[in-house]
Amino acid sequence: MSDAAPPRSASAAVLVPFGIVTLIWGSTWIVIRDQLGVVPASWSVTYRFVIAGVTMLAWAAMRGDRFALDRRGWLFAAGLGLAQFCLNFNFVYRAELHITSGLVALMYALLIVPNAVLARVFLGQRMGGQLLVGSGIALCGVALLFLHEARVRPESGSEVLLGLGIALAGVFAASAANVMQATPTARAYPMVPVLGIAMLIGATIDAAYAGATVGAPVFDWRWSYVAGLFYLGIIASAVAFTLYFGLIRVIGPAKAAYNGVIVPVIAMLLSTLFEGYRWSLLAGAGAALALVGLVVALKARRPNR
């Protein structure tokens, strides 16, 4: 019998936060859809990360974390704020103006590809055979889910291509931020206050962009919009990003991105409950393959550099 320790990604310390993040982000697509309409997307993103940033800094103060950053720390926070909390989310919200939330979620399932490539280029992290097999299985599942969406919603033309292009730009922005969290620079600073500062920097850029492109702030006082805003700011941002970026530091960007493979499945399950989503054989097979790929990948040992 082997005395080798199990891979860290198969431990409860990883699986529990991984599951929480996946469940949270699987629910956000429906909430984001309700955020669109009265309030321009850029202002909704701004409000979300003001709430998230203030929450993170309040939590950091309660924990007694240090807030002082040197020049490198401020540059890191600014880069993270721009990539993750400005570009990524502006692209997400705008993509949902052109295509269904399900298609946007499926585009983000592809995050495992740029995460793995960028981790190899900038961090020297290799995927290994088992992780490649798991990725291949999962991407086959994603392909079947795409095919299902194309059959049940056979829209075509420039509108769909524009939406997919916007979502893909968001995927690359998110991937850059993911890899930043696995660098030695990220580990040199306390994560909670840095995330809070990055969120507020991102919100500031969002507000400047919103003011320049759509004008003065607009707000929607419907209870569903306000409740959704606090859910997205506190639960889906402050809580989820703390857990997710913590996972990246433990298991690397490639494996952590597997939550994006399962998020569309969770979104479809929730849509079944609340929106009357109807499953097909293709959708069921795609979801099953995504789950199998996840299990295979998370059981893989992290290869040496």
Protein backbone atom coordinates (compact mmCIF):
# COMPACT_ATOMS: atom_id res chain seq x y z
CA MET A 1 0.00 0.00 0.00
CA SER A 2 1.31 3.43 -0.92
CA ASP A 3 1.96 5.92 1.86
CA ALA A 4 1.86 8.84 -0.56
CA ALA A 5 -0.36 11.69 0.54
CA PRO A 6 -3.45 12.35 -1.56
CA PRO A 7 -3.31 15.33 -3.90
CA ARG A 8 -4.17 18.56 -2.12
CA SER A 9 -7.02 19.21 -4.55
CA ALA A 10 -8.81 16.08 -3.30
CA SER A 11 -8.78 17.19 0.35
CA ALA A 12 -11.77 18.61 2.23
CA ALA A 13 -9.89 21.90 2.71
CA VAL A 14 -10.07 22.34 -1.07
CA LEU A 15 -13.31 20.56 -1.97
CA VAL A 16 -15.48 22.47 0.53
CA PRO A 17 -14.56 26.01 -0.62
CA PHE A 18 -14.55 24.76 -4.23
CA GLY A 19 -18.13 23.55 -3.81
CA ILE A 20 -19.25 26.76 -2.09
CA VAL A 21 -17.78 28.97 -4.82
CA THR A 22 -19.33 26.83 -7.54
CA LEU A 23 -22.79 26.97 -5.95
CA ILE A 24 -22.58 30.73 -5.44
CA TRP A 25 -21.38 31.54 -8.94
CA GLY A 26 -23.85 29.08 -10.44
CA SER A 27 -26.63 31.28 -9.02
CA THR A 28 -25.29 34.64 -10.16
CA TRP A 29 -26.32 34.40 -13.81
CA ILE A 30 -30.03 34.65 -12.98
CA VAL A 31 -29.37 37.54 -10.59
CA ILE A 32 -27.24 39.44 -13.13
CA ARG A 33 -30.04 39.18 -15.69
CA ASP A 34 -32.31 41.14 -13.32
CA GLN A 35 -29.60 43.80 -12.89
CA LEU A 36 -29.89 44.77 -16.56
CA GLY A 37 -32.46 47.19 -17.89
CA VAL A 38 -33.07 50.36 -15.89
CA VAL A 39 -29.49 50.73 -14.67
CA PRO A 40 -26.69 50.77 -17.28
CA ALA A 41 -24.36 47.77 -16.92
CA SER A 42 -21.34 49.89 -15.94
CA TRP A 43 -23.20 51.48 -13.03
CA SER A 44 -24.46 48.10 -11.81
CA VAL A 45 -20.87 46.80 -11.85
CA THR A 46 -19.74 49.93 -9.99
CA TYR A 47 -22.32 49.53 -7.23
CA ARG A 48 -21.51 45.83 -6.88
CA PHE A 49 -17.82 46.40 -6.24
CA VAL A 50 -18.29 49.40 -3.99
CA ILE A 51 -20.36 47.11 -1.75
CA ALA A 52 -17.82 44.27 -2.13
CA GLY A 53 -14.79 46.48 -1.48
CA VAL A 54 -16.26 48.11 1.62
CA THR A 55 -17.26 44.67 2.93
CA MET A 56 -13.74 43.31 2.40
CA LEU A 57 -12.05 46.27 4.10
CA ALA A 58 -14.45 46.10 7.05
CA TRP A 59 -13.68 42.38 7.39
CA ALA A 60 -9.93 43.07 7.13
CA ALA A 61 -10.21 45.67 9.90
CA MET A 62 -12.05 43.18 12.13
CA ARG A 63 -9.31 40.60 11.47
CA GLY A 64 -6.59 43.10 12.28
CA ASP A 65 -4.95 42.77 8.85
CA ARG A 66 -2.40 45.37 7.85
CA PHE A 67 -3.51 47.85 5.21
CA ALA A 68 -0.20 49.49 4.35
CA LEU A 69 0.97 48.68 0.82
CA ASP A 70 4.20 49.65 -0.86
CA ARG A 71 4.41 50.76 -4.49
CA ARG A 72 4.47 47.19 -5.76
CA GLY A 73 1.41 46.33 -3.68
CA TRP A 74 -0.58 49.29 -5.03
CA LEU A 75 0.38 48.41 -8.61
CA PHE A 76 -0.67 44.80 -8.03
CA ALA A 77 -4.03 45.88 -6.55
CA ALA A 78 -4.60 48.30 -9.43
CA GLY A 79 -3.83 45.64 -12.04
CA LEU A 80 -6.12 43.15 -10.31
CA GLY A 81 -8.87 45.75 -10.02
CA LEU A 82 -8.65 46.62 -13.70
CA ALA A 83 -8.57 43.03 -14.99
CA GLN A 84 -10.98 41.29 -12.60
CA PHE A 85 -13.33 43.92 -11.25
CA CYS A 86 -13.54 46.26 -14.24
CA LEU A 87 -12.86 44.58 -17.58
CA ASN A 88 -14.10 41.09 -16.69
CA PHE A 89 -17.41 42.14 -15.20
CA ASN A 90 -18.19 44.88 -17.69
CA PHE A 91 -17.74 42.26 -20.40
CA VAL A 92 -19.98 39.78 -18.52
CA TYR A 93 -22.84 42.23 -18.03
CA ARG A 94 -22.64 43.48 -21.62
CA ALA A 95 -22.49 39.96 -23.06
CA GLU A 96 -25.83 39.21 -21.37
CA LEU A 97 -27.38 42.07 -23.34
CA HIS A 98 -26.74 40.12 -26.55
CA ILE A 99 -26.90 36.40 -25.66
CA THR A 100 -28.52 34.23 -23.01
CA SER A 101 -26.99 33.94 -19.56
CA GLY A 102 -26.54 30.21 -20.24
CA LEU A 103 -24.29 30.91 -23.20
CA VAL A 104 -22.26 33.43 -21.20
CA ALA A 105 -21.81 30.85 -18.42
CA LEU A 106 -20.70 28.29 -20.98
CA MET A 107 -18.11 30.68 -22.40
CA TYR A 108 -16.64 31.02 -18.90
CA ALA A 109 -16.35 27.24 -18.70
CA LEU A 110 -13.52 27.67 -21.21
CA LEU A 111 -11.48 29.53 -18.55
CA ILE A 112 -9.50 26.35 -17.89
CA VAL A 113 -7.74 26.77 -21.26
CA PRO A 114 -6.20 30.28 -20.90
CA ASN A 115 -5.59 29.65 -17.19
CA ALA A 116 -3.54 26.56 -18.00
CA VAL A 117 -1.65 28.29 -20.82
CA LEU A 118 -0.87 31.44 -18.83
CA ALA A 119 0.12 29.38 -15.77
CA ARG A 120 2.58 27.46 -17.95
CA VAL A 121 4.01 30.62 -19.54
CA PHE A 122 4.26 32.87 -16.48
CA LEU A 123 4.45 30.42 -13.56
CA GLY A 124 6.10 27.41 -15.14
CA GLN A 125 3.23 25.12 -14.05
CA ARG A 126 2.68 22.06 -16.24
CA MET A 127 -0.73 20.39 -16.43
CA GLY A 128 0.33 16.73 -16.40
CA GLY A 129 -1.32 13.82 -18.20
CA GLN A 130 -4.27 13.23 -15.87
CA LEU A 131 -5.16 16.92 -15.75
CA LEU A 132 -5.07 17.05 -19.57
CA VAL A 133 -7.38 14.03 -19.76
CA GLY A 134 -9.79 15.60 -17.29
CA SER A 135 -9.72 18.85 -19.26
CA GLY A 136 -10.45 17.01 -22.49
CA ILE A 137 -13.42 15.18 -20.97
CA ALA A 138 -14.78 18.38 -19.43
CA LEU A 139 -14.43 20.35 -22.67
CA CYS A 140 -16.33 17.60 -24.53
CA GLY A 141 -19.11 18.12 -21.99
CA VAL A 142 -19.02 21.86 -22.57
CA ALA A 143 -19.22 21.26 -26.34
CA LEU A 144 -22.38 19.16 -25.86
CA LEU A 145 -23.90 21.90 -23.70
CA PHE A 146 -23.09 24.44 -26.43
CA LEU A 147 -24.74 22.18 -29.00
CA HIS A 148 -27.83 21.87 -26.80
CA GLU A 149 -28.09 25.65 -26.45
CA ALA A 150 -27.68 26.09 -30.20
CA ARG A 151 -30.54 23.66 -30.85
CA VAL A 152 -33.02 25.07 -28.34
CA ARG A 153 -32.14 28.69 -29.15
CA PRO A 154 -31.20 28.70 -32.82
CA GLU A 155 -30.49 32.44 -32.97
CA SER A 156 -27.83 33.41 -35.44
CA GLY A 157 -26.19 36.45 -36.87
CA SER A 158 -24.07 39.33 -35.71
CA GLU A 159 -25.86 39.75 -32.37
CA VAL A 160 -24.85 36.29 -31.15
CA LEU A 161 -21.31 36.60 -32.50
CA LEU A 162 -20.96 39.96 -30.76
CA GLY A 163 -22.16 38.52 -27.47
CA LEU A 164 -19.79 35.55 -27.70
CA GLY A 165 -16.89 37.86 -28.57
CA ILE A 166 -17.60 40.10 -25.58
CA ALA A 167 -17.83 37.08 -23.28
CA LEU A 168 -14.54 35.71 -24.63
CA ALA A 169 -12.84 39.04 -23.88
CA GLY A 170 -14.13 38.70 -20.31
CA VAL A 171 -12.69 35.18 -20.08
CA PHE A 172 -9.20 36.44 -20.97
CA ALA A 173 -9.45 39.34 -18.50
CA ALA A 174 -10.51 36.92 -15.74
CA SER A 175 -7.70 34.53 -16.66
CA ALA A 176 -5.10 37.28 -16.33
CA ALA A 177 -6.42 38.11 -12.86
CA ASN A 178 -6.47 34.42 -11.89
CA VAL A 179 -2.81 33.95 -12.78
CA MET A 180 -1.88 37.15 -10.92
CA GLN A 181 -3.21 35.53 -7.74
CA ALA A 182 -0.77 32.63 -8.08
CA THR A 183 2.33 34.84 -8.32
CA PRO A 184 4.83 35.47 -5.50
CA THR A 185 3.71 39.12 -5.49
CA ALA A 186 0.18 38.11 -4.49
CA ARG A 187 1.51 35.97 -1.64
CA ALA A 188 3.59 38.86 -0.31
CA TYR A 189 0.50 40.78 0.84
CA PRO A 190 -2.54 39.89 3.01
CA MET A 191 -5.27 38.79 0.61
CA VAL A 192 -8.38 40.31 2.25
CA PRO A 193 -7.30 43.98 2.36
CA VAL A 194 -5.62 43.75 -1.06
CA LEU A 195 -8.82 42.33 -2.54
CA GLY A 196 -10.84 45.09 -0.90
CA ILE A 197 -8.54 47.77 -2.29
CA ALA A 198 -8.55 46.11 -5.74
CA MET A 199 -12.36 46.02 -5.73
CA LEU A 200 -12.59 49.71 -4.86
CA ILE A 201 -10.00 50.60 -7.51
CA GLY A 202 -12.01 48.57 -10.01
CA ALA A 203 -15.21 50.31 -8.91
CA THR A 204 -13.54 53.70 -9.37
CA ILE A 205 -12.52 52.81 -12.92
CA ASP A 206 -16.02 51.43 -13.54
CA ALA A 207 -17.58 54.69 -12.32
CA ALA A 208 -15.27 56.81 -14.49
CA TYR A 209 -16.11 54.69 -17.52
CA ALA A 210 -19.84 54.76 -16.74
CA GLY A 211 -19.83 58.53 -16.31
CA ALA A 212 -17.98 59.03 -19.59
CA THR A 213 -20.13 56.67 -21.64
CA VAL A 214 -23.67 56.65 -20.19
CA GLY A 215 -23.78 59.75 -18.01
CA ALA A 216 -24.81 60.37 -14.41
CA PRO A 217 -25.50 57.52 -11.97
CA VAL A 218 -28.83 55.72 -12.31
CA PHE A 219 -30.38 53.48 -9.64
CA ASP A 220 -33.27 51.03 -9.56
CA TRP A 221 -35.11 50.94 -6.22
CA ARG A 222 -36.96 47.69 -6.91
CA TRP A 223 -36.42 45.30 -4.01
CA SER A 224 -35.17 42.57 -6.37
CA TYR A 225 -32.51 44.88 -7.82
CA VAL A 226 -31.33 46.10 -4.41
CA ALA A 227 -31.33 42.59 -2.91
CA GLY A 228 -29.56 41.25 -5.98
CA LEU A 229 -26.95 43.99 -5.71
CA PHE A 230 -26.12 43.09 -2.11
CA TYR A 231 -26.09 39.38 -2.95
CA LEU A 232 -23.68 39.96 -5.83
CA GLY A 233 -21.53 42.38 -3.81
CA ILE A 234 -21.25 40.47 -0.52
CA ILE A 235 -21.84 36.78 -1.26
CA ALA A 236 -20.82 36.45 -4.92
CA SER A 237 -17.87 38.87 -4.66
CA ALA A 238 -16.50 39.39 -1.14
CA VAL A 239 -17.07 35.81 0.01
CA ALA A 240 -16.65 33.93 -3.27
CA PHE A 241 -13.51 35.71 -4.50
CA THR A 242 -11.79 35.26 -1.14
CA LEU A 243 -12.43 31.52 -1.32
CA TYR A 244 -11.61 31.26 -5.03
CA PHE A 245 -8.34 33.17 -4.92
CA GLY A 246 -7.39 31.11 -1.88
CA LEU A 247 -7.93 27.97 -3.99
CA ILE A 248 -5.73 29.37 -6.74
CA ARG A 249 -2.89 29.78 -4.26
CA VAL A 250 -3.23 26.13 -3.16
CA ILE A 251 -4.04 24.16 -6.33
CA GLY A 252 -3.09 26.61 -9.10
CA PRO A 253 -5.12 28.52 -11.70
CA ALA A 254 -5.77 25.55 -14.01
CA LYS A 255 -7.49 23.35 -11.43
CA ALA A 256 -9.28 26.23 -9.71
CA ALA A 257 -10.85 27.20 -13.05
CA TYR A 258 -12.73 23.89 -13.07
CA ASN A 259 -15.46 25.58 -11.05
CA GLY A 260 -16.30 27.31 -14.33
CA VAL A 261 -17.01 23.91 -15.90
CA ILE A 262 -19.58 23.06 -13.23
CA VAL A 263 -21.10 26.56 -12.89
CA PRO A 264 -23.20 26.19 -16.08
CA VAL A 265 -24.55 22.88 -14.76
CA ILE A 266 -25.56 24.56 -11.49
CA ALA A 267 -27.05 27.45 -13.46
CA MET A 268 -29.10 24.98 -15.53
CA LEU A 269 -30.32 23.17 -12.39
CA LEU A 270 -31.43 26.47 -10.86
CA SER A 271 -33.04 27.47 -14.14
CA THR A 272 -34.97 24.18 -14.01
CA LEU A 273 -36.38 25.18 -10.61
CA PHE A 274 -37.06 28.86 -11.26
CA GLU A 275 -37.33 29.34 -15.03
CA GLY A 276 -38.76 26.06 -16.30
CA TYR A 277 -35.58 24.99 -18.07
CA ARG A 278 -36.08 21.67 -19.89
CA TRP A 279 -33.25 19.16 -20.11
CA SER A 280 -32.37 17.14 -23.19
CA LEU A 281 -30.21 14.07 -23.74
CA LEU A 282 -27.43 16.34 -25.03
CA ALA A 283 -27.60 18.61 -22.00
CA GLY A 284 -27.61 15.66 -19.61
CA ALA A 285 -24.66 14.03 -21.36
CA GLY A 286 -22.76 17.33 -21.38
CA ALA A 287 -23.36 17.86 -17.66
CA ALA A 288 -22.27 14.28 -16.88
CA LEU A 289 -19.06 14.64 -18.89
CA ALA A 290 -18.28 17.96 -17.20
CA LEU A 291 -18.62 16.29 -13.79
CA VAL A 292 -16.49 13.30 -14.81
CA GLY A 293 -13.79 15.61 -16.15
CA LEU A 294 -13.86 17.55 -12.89
CA VAL A 295 -13.34 14.40 -10.80
CA VAL A 296 -10.49 13.18 -13.02
CA ALA A 297 -8.76 16.57 -12.96
CA LEU A 298 -9.05 17.21 -9.23
CA LYS A 299 -7.58 13.79 -8.46
CA ALA A 300 -4.51 14.59 -10.53
CA ARG A 301 -1.32 15.29 -8.66
CA ARG A 302 0.33 18.61 -9.30
CA PRO A 303 3.33 17.88 -11.55
CA ASN A 304 6.77 19.22 -10.86
CA ARG A 305 7.79 22.35 -12.73
